[in-house]
Amino acid sequence: MSLLIVGSVAFDAVETPFGKRERMLGGAATHCSISASFFTDVRIVGVVGGDFGGEEESVFETHGIDTTDLERIPDGKTFFWRGRYDYDLNTAHTLDTQLNVFADFQPKLSEGSRQARLVFLGNIQPDLQRSVREQLPNAELVALDTMNYWINEARESLLETIKVVNVVIINDAEARMLADEPNLVKAARKILSWGPSALVVKRGEYGAALFTSEAYFAIPAFPLESVFDPTGAGDTFAGGFMGYLSSCEKLDEAAMRRAMIYGSVMASFNVEEFGTERVQRLTHEEINKRFQTFKQMTYFEATPFERAVKAAK
């Protein structure tokens, strides 16, 4: 029961119509690993600068996240992103990006990390994702995330990387762009033809969808009255999804469907406050309660007519 997460650890500055933070813990690997830590043992691979101190380290330590492979560069600065959201919280407006030490990031895996059962390759350069994948020949399931920048600027490398992973986790706009297909179902079919066994499409406030060669499964987003900051919601979803899968003995479609629910549950907590603030304080009781509410919300009973039709078959 182990999950390896490779990606960015960062500082974010975010402003929404409901408030702002000038400096908070962020990055894809951060959001993903904290979320996953509620389900499984997590190792993280990333890089930070000398400005990444004890307060930030303690967040990982508190959640039992192994940071052996979190590289520290004392004379460097940690990746920084500044963004703004207007009332359309689905769209982030990037105001500043400083790659800093992340610009030269070369993932370094210890022997312990090489033994991971499941792997999540966060949104980094596709060549780096593939180099990590090649170091993990015994991983049972490998998933990757990407973004529009890599789809446009490193398409051929990304396609080669997609061929060697089991699951692709991206949002609906990226799926359409990647497949060069406006219809999401057709886009999914094309992406699956390149090698992955499953495609997970994140749809923000509209939920998420799972595509395989034989099935389609969709869920709504959990209804919330208060949404303060969507930063990291997609990575938190991926953490819940991958973390739950890591706790399963059998990685079949049924497990993936349940993992979709847990991913959505974790993302719903993430957006209730800024950055990782809400997820850091989560309890297993809160997660399970919202999971049960989600099940009730999406459950419906067959009518007598439907039961009769099924019996006739």
C-alpha atoms as a PDB file:
ATOM      1  CA  MET A   1       0.000   0.000   0.000  1.00  0.00           C
ATOM      2  CA  SER A   2       2.180   2.849  -1.250  1.00  0.00           C
ATOM      3  CA  LEU A   3       1.877   5.803  -3.610  1.00  0.00           C
ATOM      4  CA  LEU A   4       4.677   7.830  -5.173  1.00  0.00           C
ATOM      5  CA  ILE A   5       3.851  11.404  -6.264  1.00  0.00           C
ATOM      6  CA  VAL A   6       6.174  13.397  -8.506  1.00  0.00           C
ATOM      7  CA  GLY A   7       5.570  17.095  -9.137  1.00  0.00           C
ATOM      8  CA  SER A   8       5.790  20.670  -7.943  1.00  0.00           C
ATOM      9  CA  VAL A   9       6.002  21.974  -4.394  1.00  0.00           C
ATOM     10  CA  ALA A  10       5.386  25.706  -4.382  1.00  0.00           C
ATOM     11  CA  PHE A  11       4.305  28.903  -2.731  1.00  0.00           C
ATOM     12  CA  ASP A  12       1.108  30.468  -4.070  1.00  0.00           C
ATOM     13  CA  ALA A  13      -0.378  33.949  -3.807  1.00  0.00           C
ATOM     14  CA  VAL A  14      -4.077  33.913  -4.639  1.00  0.00           C
ATOM     15  CA  GLU A  15      -6.899  36.436  -4.756  1.00  0.00           C
ATOM     16  CA  THR A  16     -10.574  35.561  -5.215  1.00  0.00           C
ATOM     17  CA  PRO A  17     -13.746  37.631  -4.722  1.00  0.00           C
ATOM     18  CA  PHE A  18     -13.851  36.167  -1.206  1.00  0.00           C
ATOM     19  CA  GLY A  19     -10.384  37.031   0.058  1.00  0.00           C
ATOM     20  CA  LYS A  20      -6.692  36.582  -0.632  1.00  0.00           C
ATOM     21  CA  ARG A  21      -3.484  35.025   0.597  1.00  0.00           C
ATOM     22  CA  GLU A  22      -0.049  36.477  -0.137  1.00  0.00           C
ATOM     23  CA  ARG A  23       1.909  33.318   0.616  1.00  0.00           C
ATOM     24  CA  MET A  24       0.548  29.830   1.133  1.00  0.00           C
ATOM     25  CA  LEU A  25       1.738  26.297   0.561  1.00  0.00           C
ATOM     26  CA  GLY A  26       0.868  25.060  -2.928  1.00  0.00           C
ATOM     27  CA  GLY A  27       2.025  23.023  -5.894  1.00  0.00           C
ATOM     28  CA  ALA A  28       0.527  19.964  -7.561  1.00  0.00           C
ATOM     29  CA  ALA A  29       2.520  17.432  -5.546  1.00  0.00           C
ATOM     30  CA  THR A  30       1.629  19.201  -2.302  1.00  0.00           C
ATOM     31  CA  HIS A  31      -2.133  19.191  -2.875  1.00  0.00           C
ATOM     32  CA  CYS A  32      -2.062  15.655  -4.238  1.00  0.00           C
ATOM     33  CA  SER A  33       0.071  14.165  -1.457  1.00  0.00           C
ATOM     34  CA  ILE A  34      -1.874  15.697   1.439  1.00  0.00           C
ATOM     35  CA  SER A  35      -5.132  14.432  -0.080  1.00  0.00           C
ATOM     36  CA  ALA A  36      -3.739  10.940  -0.729  1.00  0.00           C
ATOM     37  CA  SER A  37      -2.246  10.673   2.761  1.00  0.00           C
ATOM     38  CA  PHE A  38      -5.717  10.022   4.226  1.00  0.00           C
ATOM     39  CA  PHE A  39      -5.834   6.713   2.357  1.00  0.00           C
ATOM     40  CA  THR A  40      -2.318   5.340   1.960  1.00  0.00           C
ATOM     41  CA  ASP A  41       1.427   5.725   2.592  1.00  0.00           C
ATOM     42  CA  VAL A  42       2.772   8.527   0.406  1.00  0.00           C
ATOM     43  CA  ARG A  43       6.224   9.426  -0.853  1.00  0.00           C
ATOM     44  CA  ILE A  44       6.850  12.720  -2.635  1.00  0.00           C
ATOM     45  CA  VAL A  45       9.492  13.673  -5.208  1.00  0.00           C
ATOM     46  CA  GLY A  46      10.048  17.382  -5.808  1.00  0.00           C
ATOM     47  CA  VAL A  47      12.401  20.303  -5.230  1.00  0.00           C
ATOM     48  CA  VAL A  48      12.316  23.356  -2.936  1.00  0.00           C
ATOM     49  CA  GLY A  49      14.581  26.268  -2.115  1.00  0.00           C
ATOM     50  CA  GLY A  50      16.101  27.607   1.071  1.00  0.00           C
ATOM     51  CA  ASP A  51      12.942  29.639   1.741  1.00  0.00           C
ATOM     52  CA  PHE A  52      11.040  26.399   2.380  1.00  0.00           C
ATOM     53  CA  GLY A  53      11.226  26.170   6.137  1.00  0.00           C
ATOM     54  CA  GLY A  54      10.160  24.150   9.143  1.00  0.00           C
ATOM     55  CA  GLU A  55       6.562  25.357   9.068  1.00  0.00           C
ATOM     56  CA  GLU A  56       6.102  23.985   5.548  1.00  0.00           C
ATOM     57  CA  GLU A  57       8.032  20.791   6.306  1.00  0.00           C
ATOM     58  CA  SER A  58       5.761  20.132   9.283  1.00  0.00           C
ATOM     59  CA  VAL A  59       2.688  19.942   7.019  1.00  0.00           C
ATOM     60  CA  PHE A  60       4.139  16.900   5.265  1.00  0.00           C
ATOM     61  CA  GLU A  61       5.410  15.432   8.522  1.00  0.00           C
ATOM     62  CA  THR A  62       2.014  15.786  10.222  1.00  0.00           C
ATOM     63  CA  HIS A  63       0.383  13.816   7.418  1.00  0.00           C
ATOM     64  CA  GLY A  64       3.019  11.083   7.415  1.00  0.00           C
ATOM     65  CA  ILE A  65       4.310  11.987   3.953  1.00  0.00           C
ATOM     66  CA  ASP A  66       7.817  10.692   3.246  1.00  0.00           C
ATOM     67  CA  THR A  67       9.947  13.606   1.996  1.00  0.00           C
ATOM     68  CA  THR A  68      13.208  11.683   1.600  1.00  0.00           C
ATOM     69  CA  ASP A  69      13.191  12.522  -2.125  1.00  0.00           C
ATOM     70  CA  LEU A  70      12.190  16.170  -1.696  1.00  0.00           C
ATOM     71  CA  GLU A  71      15.389  17.857  -2.883  1.00  0.00           C
ATOM     72  CA  ARG A  72      16.463  20.983  -1.003  1.00  0.00           C
ATOM     73  CA  ILE A  73      18.579  23.682  -2.648  1.00  0.00           C
ATOM     74  CA  PRO A  74      19.634  26.045   0.175  1.00  0.00           C
ATOM     75  CA  ASP A  75      20.694  28.961  -2.041  1.00  0.00           C
ATOM     76  CA  GLY A  76      17.629  28.725  -4.305  1.00  0.00           C
ATOM     77  CA  LYS A  77      14.033  29.925  -4.129  1.00  0.00           C
ATOM     78  CA  THR A  78      10.944  27.720  -4.231  1.00  0.00           C
ATOM     79  CA  PHE A  79       8.606  27.752  -7.245  1.00  0.00           C
ATOM     80  CA  PHE A  80       6.137  30.650  -6.905  1.00  0.00           C
ATOM     81  CA  TRP A  81       2.757  31.269  -8.595  1.00  0.00           C
ATOM     82  CA  ARG A  82       0.449  34.257  -8.259  1.00  0.00           C
ATOM     83  CA  GLY A  83      -3.081  34.128  -9.611  1.00  0.00           C
ATOM     84  CA  ARG A  84      -6.516  35.715  -9.458  1.00  0.00           C
ATOM     85  CA  TYR A  85     -10.018  34.348  -9.816  1.00  0.00           C
ATOM     86  CA  ASP A  86     -13.060  36.442 -10.653  1.00  0.00           C
ATOM     87  CA  TYR A  87     -16.599  35.231  -9.974  1.00  0.00           C
ATOM     88  CA  ASP A  88     -16.075  32.543 -12.615  1.00  0.00           C
ATOM     89  CA  LEU A  89     -13.990  30.349 -10.350  1.00  0.00           C
ATOM     90  CA  ASN A  90     -13.379  27.863 -13.165  1.00  0.00           C
ATOM     91  CA  THR A  91     -10.846  30.242 -14.722  1.00  0.00           C
ATOM     92  CA  ALA A  92      -7.540  31.189 -13.113  1.00  0.00           C
ATOM     93  CA  HIS A  93      -5.778  34.335 -14.301  1.00  0.00           C
ATOM     94  CA  THR A  94      -2.026  33.878 -13.913  1.00  0.00           C
ATOM     95  CA  LEU A  95      -0.353  37.116 -12.824  1.00  0.00           C
ATOM     96  CA  ASP A  96       3.167  35.843 -12.134  1.00  0.00           C
ATOM     97  CA  THR A  97       5.102  32.584 -12.434  1.00  0.00           C
ATOM     98  CA  GLN A  98       8.609  32.172 -11.036  1.00  0.00           C
ATOM     99  CA  LEU A  99       9.951  28.668 -11.675  1.00  0.00           C
ATOM    100  CA  ASN A 100      13.074  29.262  -9.578  1.00  0.00           C
ATOM    101  CA  VAL A 101      14.584  25.883  -8.516  1.00  0.00           C
ATOM    102  CA  PHE A 102      11.790  24.049 -10.348  1.00  0.00           C
ATOM    103  CA  ALA A 103      13.243  25.225 -13.685  1.00  0.00           C
ATOM    104  CA  ASP A 104      16.077  22.685 -13.395  1.00  0.00           C
ATOM    105  CA  PHE A 105      14.115  19.958 -11.637  1.00  0.00           C
ATOM    106  CA  GLN A 106      15.420  16.459 -12.330  1.00  0.00           C
ATOM    107  CA  PRO A 107      13.471  13.866 -10.305  1.00  0.00           C
ATOM    108  CA  LYS A 108      15.766  11.706  -8.186  1.00  0.00           C
ATOM    109  CA  LEU A 109      14.295   8.457  -6.858  1.00  0.00           C
ATOM    110  CA  SER A 110      15.593   6.621  -3.825  1.00  0.00           C
ATOM    111  CA  GLU A 111      15.379   2.851  -3.611  1.00  0.00           C
ATOM    112  CA  GLY A 112      12.295   3.183  -1.424  1.00  0.00           C
ATOM    113  CA  SER A 113      10.514   5.257  -4.041  1.00  0.00           C
ATOM    114  CA  ARG A 114      11.360   2.739  -6.741  1.00  0.00           C
ATOM    115  CA  GLN A 115       9.320   0.144  -4.849  1.00  0.00           C
ATOM    116  CA  ALA A 116       6.076   2.148  -4.997  1.00  0.00           C
ATOM    117  CA  ARG A 117       3.014   0.165  -6.043  1.00  0.00           C
ATOM    118  CA  LEU A 118       1.174   3.145  -7.583  1.00  0.00           C
ATOM    119  CA  VAL A 119       2.629   6.302  -9.120  1.00  0.00           C
ATOM    120  CA  PHE A 120       1.181   9.701  -9.960  1.00  0.00           C
ATOM    121  CA  LEU A 121       3.201  11.818 -12.379  1.00  0.00           C
ATOM    122  CA  GLY A 122       2.138  15.398 -11.769  1.00  0.00           C
ATOM    123  CA  ASN A 123       2.108  18.164 -14.330  1.00  0.00           C
ATOM    124  CA  ILE A 124       5.782  18.397 -15.320  1.00  0.00           C
ATOM    125  CA  GLN A 125       7.729  18.154 -18.600  1.00  0.00           C
ATOM    126  CA  PRO A 126       6.685  14.938 -20.427  1.00  0.00           C
ATOM    127  CA  ASP A 127      10.290  13.811 -20.895  1.00  0.00           C
ATOM    128  CA  LEU A 128      10.752  13.936 -17.116  1.00  0.00           C
ATOM    129  CA  GLN A 129       7.507  12.026 -16.578  1.00  0.00           C
ATOM    130  CA  ARG A 130       8.699   9.319 -18.951  1.00  0.00           C
ATOM    131  CA  SER A 131      12.137   9.127 -17.335  1.00  0.00           C
ATOM    132  CA  VAL A 132      10.477   8.510 -13.963  1.00  0.00           C
ATOM    133  CA  ARG A 133       8.195   5.885 -15.483  1.00  0.00           C
ATOM    134  CA  GLU A 134      11.198   4.040 -16.915  1.00  0.00           C
ATOM    135  CA  GLN A 135      12.688   3.804 -13.410  1.00  0.00           C
ATOM    136  CA  LEU A 136       9.546   2.079 -12.099  1.00  0.00           C
ATOM    137  CA  PRO A 137       9.084  -1.063 -14.213  1.00  0.00           C
ATOM    138  CA  ASN A 138       7.282  -2.913 -11.403  1.00  0.00           C
ATOM    139  CA  ALA A 139       4.678  -0.254 -10.599  1.00  0.00           C
ATOM    140  CA  GLU A 140       1.194  -1.758 -10.795  1.00  0.00           C
ATOM    141  CA  LEU A 141      -0.537   1.425 -11.945  1.00  0.00           C
ATOM    142  CA  VAL A 142       0.901   4.719 -13.194  1.00  0.00           C
ATOM    143  CA  ALA A 143      -1.185   7.839 -13.827  1.00  0.00           C
ATOM    144  CA  LEU A 144      -0.221  11.203 -15.256  1.00  0.00           C
ATOM    145  CA  ASP A 145      -1.552  14.736 -15.405  1.00  0.00           C
ATOM    146  CA  THR A 146      -0.609  17.355 -17.966  1.00  0.00           C
ATOM    147  CA  MET A 147      -1.695  20.818 -19.137  1.00  0.00           C
ATOM    148  CA  ASN A 148      -2.320  22.876 -22.256  1.00  0.00           C
ATOM    149  CA  TYR A 149       1.269  24.208 -22.302  1.00  0.00           C
ATOM    150  CA  TRP A 150       2.767  20.717 -22.741  1.00  0.00           C
ATOM    151  CA  ILE A 151       0.025  19.729 -25.192  1.00  0.00           C
ATOM    152  CA  ASN A 152       1.050  22.672 -27.389  1.00  0.00           C
ATOM    153  CA  GLU A 153       4.795  22.821 -26.797  1.00  0.00           C
ATOM    154  CA  ALA A 154       5.815  19.171 -26.259  1.00  0.00           C
ATOM    155  CA  ARG A 155       3.055  17.208 -27.961  1.00  0.00           C
ATOM    156  CA  GLU A 156       5.145  14.384 -29.436  1.00  0.00           C
ATOM    157  CA  SER A 157       6.946  13.804 -26.144  1.00  0.00           C
ATOM    158  CA  LEU A 158       3.618  13.814 -24.299  1.00  0.00           C
ATOM    159  CA  LEU A 159       2.133  11.249 -26.685  1.00  0.00           C
ATOM    160  CA  GLU A 160       5.128   8.970 -26.121  1.00  0.00           C
ATOM    161  CA  THR A 161       4.654   9.281 -22.374  1.00  0.00           C
ATOM    162  CA  ILE A 162       0.920   8.580 -22.534  1.00  0.00           C
ATOM    163  CA  LYS A 163       1.723   5.283 -24.254  1.00  0.00           C
ATOM    164  CA  VAL A 164       3.527   3.984 -21.148  1.00  0.00           C
ATOM    165  CA  VAL A 165       1.024   4.932 -18.424  1.00  0.00           C
ATOM    166  CA  ASN A 166      -2.215   3.276 -17.302  1.00  0.00           C
ATOM    167  CA  VAL A 167      -4.366   6.301 -16.490  1.00  0.00           C
ATOM    168  CA  VAL A 168      -4.517   9.874 -17.809  1.00  0.00           C
ATOM    169  CA  ILE A 169      -6.111  12.466 -15.497  1.00  0.00           C
ATOM    170  CA  ILE A 170      -6.858  15.814 -17.193  1.00  0.00           C
ATOM    171  CA  ASN A 171      -9.654  18.370 -17.452  1.00  0.00           C
ATOM    172  CA  ASP A 172     -12.223  18.449 -20.233  1.00  0.00           C
ATOM    173  CA  ALA A 173     -10.632  21.324 -22.180  1.00  0.00           C
ATOM    174  CA  GLU A 174      -7.254  19.544 -22.125  1.00  0.00           C
ATOM    175  CA  ALA A 175      -8.842  16.273 -23.290  1.00  0.00           C
ATOM    176  CA  ARG A 176     -10.380  18.006 -26.299  1.00  0.00           C
ATOM    177  CA  MET A 177      -7.150  19.853 -27.082  1.00  0.00           C
ATOM    178  CA  LEU A 178      -5.025  16.732 -26.728  1.00  0.00           C
ATOM    179  CA  ALA A 179      -7.236  14.698 -29.058  1.00  0.00           C
ATOM    180  CA  ASP A 180      -7.954  17.658 -31.373  1.00  0.00           C
ATOM    181  CA  GLU A 181     -11.603  16.666 -31.077  1.00  0.00           C
ATOM    182  CA  PRO A 182     -14.444  18.927 -29.834  1.00  0.00           C
ATOM    183  CA  ASN A 183     -16.633  16.007 -28.742  1.00  0.00           C
ATOM    184  CA  LEU A 184     -15.513  14.679 -25.366  1.00  0.00           C
ATOM    185  CA  VAL A 185     -16.628  11.092 -25.999  1.00  0.00           C
ATOM    186  CA  LYS A 186     -14.729  10.948 -29.291  1.00  0.00           C
ATOM    187  CA  ALA A 187     -11.743  12.640 -27.647  1.00  0.00           C
ATOM    188  CA  ALA A 188     -11.732  10.007 -24.903  1.00  0.00           C
ATOM    189  CA  ARG A 189     -11.907   7.162 -27.412  1.00  0.00           C
ATOM    190  CA  LYS A 190      -8.902   8.578 -29.289  1.00  0.00           C
ATOM    191  CA  ILE A 191      -6.812   9.066 -26.132  1.00  0.00           C
ATOM    192  CA  LEU A 192      -7.558   5.518 -24.963  1.00  0.00           C
ATOM    193  CA  SER A 193      -6.450   4.188 -28.351  1.00  0.00           C
ATOM    194  CA  TRP A 194      -2.933   5.445 -27.593  1.00  0.00           C
ATOM    195  CA  GLY A 195      -2.435   2.964 -24.758  1.00  0.00           C
ATOM    196  CA  PRO A 196      -3.935   3.964 -21.388  1.00  0.00           C
ATOM    197  CA  SER A 197      -6.593   1.699 -19.904  1.00  0.00           C
ATOM    198  CA  ALA A 198      -8.523   4.609 -18.380  1.00  0.00           C
ATOM    199  CA  LEU A 199      -9.083   8.334 -18.828  1.00  0.00           C
ATOM    200  CA  VAL A 200     -10.353  10.490 -15.974  1.00  0.00           C
ATOM    201  CA  VAL A 201     -11.755  13.851 -17.043  1.00  0.00           C
ATOM    202  CA  LYS A 202     -12.058  16.556 -14.384  1.00  0.00           C
ATOM    203  CA  ARG A 203     -14.976  18.899 -15.089  1.00  0.00           C
ATOM    204  CA  GLY A 204     -14.736  21.368 -12.196  1.00  0.00           C
ATOM    205  CA  GLU A 205     -18.132  22.384 -10.821  1.00  0.00           C
ATOM    206  CA  TYR A 206     -19.765  19.855 -13.190  1.00  0.00           C
ATOM    207  CA  GLY A 207     -18.068  16.816 -11.652  1.00  0.00           C
ATOM    208  CA  ALA A 208     -15.857  14.215 -13.323  1.00  0.00           C
ATOM    209  CA  ALA A 209     -16.062  11.345 -15.801  1.00  0.00           C
ATOM    210  CA  LEU A 210     -14.277   8.009 -16.156  1.00  0.00           C
ATOM    211  CA  PHE A 211     -13.758   6.479 -19.593  1.00  0.00           C
ATOM    212  CA  THR A 212     -12.482   2.974 -20.306  1.00  0.00           C
ATOM    213  CA  SER A 213     -12.619   0.912 -23.504  1.00  0.00           C
ATOM    214  CA  GLU A 214     -15.799  -0.776 -22.263  1.00  0.00           C
ATOM    215  CA  ALA A 215     -17.507   1.653 -19.912  1.00  0.00           C
ATOM    216  CA  TYR A 216     -18.402   5.235 -19.053  1.00  0.00           C
ATOM    217  CA  PHE A 217     -19.043   6.523 -15.533  1.00  0.00           C
ATOM    218  CA  ALA A 218     -19.858  10.104 -14.558  1.00  0.00           C
ATOM    219  CA  ILE A 219     -20.431  11.828 -11.234  1.00  0.00           C
ATOM    220  CA  PRO A 220     -21.559  15.345 -10.313  1.00  0.00           C
ATOM    221  CA  ALA A 221     -19.534  17.691  -8.159  1.00  0.00           C
ATOM    222  CA  PHE A 222     -20.505  17.764  -4.508  1.00  0.00           C
ATOM    223  CA  PRO A 223     -22.921  20.709  -4.017  1.00  0.00           C
ATOM    224  CA  LEU A 224     -21.425  23.458  -1.860  1.00  0.00           C
ATOM    225  CA  GLU A 225     -22.815  26.756  -0.638  1.00  0.00           C
ATOM    226  CA  SER A 226     -19.396  28.322  -0.082  1.00  0.00           C
ATOM    227  CA  VAL A 227     -16.448  28.087  -2.480  1.00  0.00           C
ATOM    228  CA  PHE A 228     -13.483  30.286  -1.583  1.00  0.00           C
ATOM    229  CA  ASP A 229     -10.521  29.083  -3.651  1.00  0.00           C
ATOM    230  CA  PRO A 230     -10.352  26.374  -6.351  1.00  0.00           C
ATOM    231  CA  THR A 231      -6.536  26.397  -6.480  1.00  0.00           C
ATOM    232  CA  GLY A 232      -5.286  22.806  -6.316  1.00  0.00           C
ATOM    233  CA  ALA A 233      -8.753  21.250  -6.525  1.00  0.00           C
ATOM    234  CA  GLY A 234      -7.796  19.091  -9.511  1.00  0.00           C
ATOM    235  CA  ASP A 235      -4.644  17.842  -7.795  1.00  0.00           C
ATOM    236  CA  THR A 236      -6.600  17.200  -4.598  1.00  0.00           C
ATOM    237  CA  PHE A 237      -9.060  15.169  -6.688  1.00  0.00           C
ATOM    238  CA  ALA A 238      -6.149  13.180  -8.135  1.00  0.00           C
ATOM    239  CA  GLY A 239      -4.801  12.605  -4.630  1.00  0.00           C
ATOM    240  CA  GLY A 240      -8.112  11.225  -3.406  1.00  0.00           C
ATOM    241  CA  PHE A 241      -8.462   9.090  -6.533  1.00  0.00           C
ATOM    242  CA  MET A 242      -4.946   7.654  -6.446  1.00  0.00           C
ATOM    243  CA  GLY A 243      -4.815   7.416  -2.665  1.00  0.00           C
ATOM    244  CA  TYR A 244      -7.983   5.358  -2.499  1.00  0.00           C
ATOM    245  CA  LEU A 245      -6.827   3.103  -5.363  1.00  0.00           C
ATOM    246  CA  SER A 246      -3.586   2.502  -3.497  1.00  0.00           C
ATOM    247  CA  SER A 247      -5.612   1.129  -0.587  1.00  0.00           C
ATOM    248  CA  CYS A 248      -7.393  -1.396  -2.851  1.00  0.00           C
ATOM    249  CA  GLU A 249      -6.092  -4.899  -3.440  1.00  0.00           C
ATOM    250  CA  LYS A 250      -7.815  -5.149  -6.815  1.00  0.00           C
ATOM    251  CA  LEU A 251      -7.430  -2.255  -9.250  1.00  0.00           C
ATOM    252  CA  ASP A 252     -10.521  -2.954 -11.356  1.00  0.00           C
ATOM    253  CA  GLU A 253     -13.231  -0.688 -12.746  1.00  0.00           C
ATOM    254  CA  ALA A 254     -15.328  -0.977  -9.568  1.00  0.00           C
ATOM    255  CA  ALA A 255     -12.394   0.341  -7.534  1.00  0.00           C
ATOM    256  CA  MET A 256     -11.911   3.210  -9.981  1.00  0.00           C
ATOM    257  CA  ARG A 257     -15.575   4.183  -9.690  1.00  0.00           C
ATOM    258  CA  ARG A 258     -15.295   4.382  -5.910  1.00  0.00           C
ATOM    259  CA  ALA A 259     -12.012   6.261  -6.285  1.00  0.00           C
ATOM    260  CA  MET A 260     -13.821   8.835  -8.423  1.00  0.00           C
ATOM    261  CA  ILE A 261     -16.202   9.513  -5.542  1.00  0.00           C
ATOM    262  CA  TYR A 262     -13.390   9.875  -3.038  1.00  0.00           C
ATOM    263  CA  GLY A 263     -11.545  12.192  -5.430  1.00  0.00           C
ATOM    264  CA  SER A 264     -14.612  14.415  -5.703  1.00  0.00           C
ATOM    265  CA  VAL A 265     -15.111  14.358  -1.929  1.00  0.00           C
ATOM    266  CA  MET A 266     -11.523  15.505  -1.303  1.00  0.00           C
ATOM    267  CA  ALA A 267     -11.761  18.240  -3.949  1.00  0.00           C
ATOM    268  CA  SER A 268     -14.979  19.508  -2.366  1.00  0.00           C
ATOM    269  CA  PHE A 269     -13.172  20.083   0.930  1.00  0.00           C
ATOM    270  CA  ASN A 270     -10.232  21.746  -0.831  1.00  0.00           C
ATOM    271  CA  VAL A 271     -12.307  24.591  -2.316  1.00  0.00           C
ATOM    272  CA  GLU A 272     -13.956  25.492   0.999  1.00  0.00           C
ATOM    273  CA  GLU A 273     -10.893  27.462   2.119  1.00  0.00           C
ATOM    274  CA  PHE A 274      -7.675  28.809   0.634  1.00  0.00           C
ATOM    275  CA  GLY A 275      -4.889  26.525  -0.542  1.00  0.00           C
ATOM    276  CA  THR A 276      -4.433  23.437   1.620  1.00  0.00           C
ATOM    277  CA  GLU A 277      -5.937  25.023   4.748  1.00  0.00           C
ATOM    278  CA  ARG A 278      -9.141  22.961   4.858  1.00  0.00           C
ATOM    279  CA  VAL A 279      -7.654  19.648   3.755  1.00  0.00           C
ATOM    280  CA  GLN A 280      -4.899  19.937   6.362  1.00  0.00           C
ATOM    281  CA  ARG A 281      -7.523  19.898   9.128  1.00  0.00           C
ATOM    282  CA  LEU A 282      -9.650  17.090   7.705  1.00  0.00           C
ATOM    283  CA  THR A 283     -10.550  13.966   9.652  1.00  0.00           C
ATOM    284  CA  HIS A 284     -11.415  10.500   8.379  1.00  0.00           C
ATOM    285  CA  GLU A 285     -14.832  10.913   9.973  1.00  0.00           C
ATOM    286  CA  GLU A 286     -15.540  14.005   7.852  1.00  0.00           C
ATOM    287  CA  ILE A 287     -14.387  12.240   4.692  1.00  0.00           C
ATOM    288  CA  ASN A 288     -16.526   9.165   5.329  1.00  0.00           C
ATOM    289  CA  LYS A 289     -19.583  11.257   6.218  1.00  0.00           C
ATOM    290  CA  ARG A 290     -19.342  13.224   2.954  1.00  0.00           C
ATOM    291  CA  PHE A 291     -18.754   9.988   1.015  1.00  0.00           C
ATOM    292  CA  GLN A 292     -21.975   8.548   2.434  1.00  0.00           C
ATOM    293  CA  THR A 293     -23.835  11.759   1.593  1.00  0.00           C
ATOM    294  CA  PHE A 294     -22.467  11.541  -1.944  1.00  0.00           C
ATOM    295  CA  LYS A 295     -23.737   7.958  -2.257  1.00  0.00           C
ATOM    296  CA  GLN A 296     -27.203   8.967  -1.090  1.00  0.00           C
ATOM    297  CA  MET A 297     -27.191  11.943  -3.428  1.00  0.00           C
ATOM    298  CA  THR A 298     -26.519   9.778  -6.500  1.00  0.00           C
ATOM    299  CA  TYR A 299     -28.564   6.687  -5.556  1.00  0.00           C
ATOM    300  CA  PHE A 300     -31.872   5.808  -7.161  1.00  0.00           C
ATOM    301  CA  GLU A 301     -34.040   2.713  -6.980  1.00  0.00           C
ATOM    302  CA  ALA A 302     -35.230   0.683  -9.948  1.00  0.00           C
ATOM    303  CA  THR A 303     -38.961   0.869 -10.695  1.00  0.00           C
ATOM    304  CA  PRO A 304     -41.121  -2.291 -10.800  1.00  0.00           C
ATOM    305  CA  PHE A 305     -41.096  -2.037 -14.600  1.00  0.00           C
ATOM    306  CA  GLU A 306     -37.285  -1.941 -14.739  1.00  0.00           C
ATOM    307  CA  ARG A 307     -37.036  -4.907 -12.367  1.00  0.00           C
ATOM    308  CA  ALA A 308     -39.479  -6.849 -14.540  1.00  0.00           C
ATOM    309  CA  VAL A 309     -37.465  -6.097 -17.684  1.00  0.00           C
ATOM    310  CA  LYS A 310     -34.286  -7.240 -15.974  1.00  0.00           C
ATOM    311  CA  ALA A 311     -35.961 -10.451 -14.781  1.00  0.00           C
ATOM    312  CA  ALA A 312     -37.231 -11.178 -18.301  1.00  0.00           C
ATOM    313  CA  LYS A 313     -33.686 -11.095 -19.629  1.00  0.00           C
END
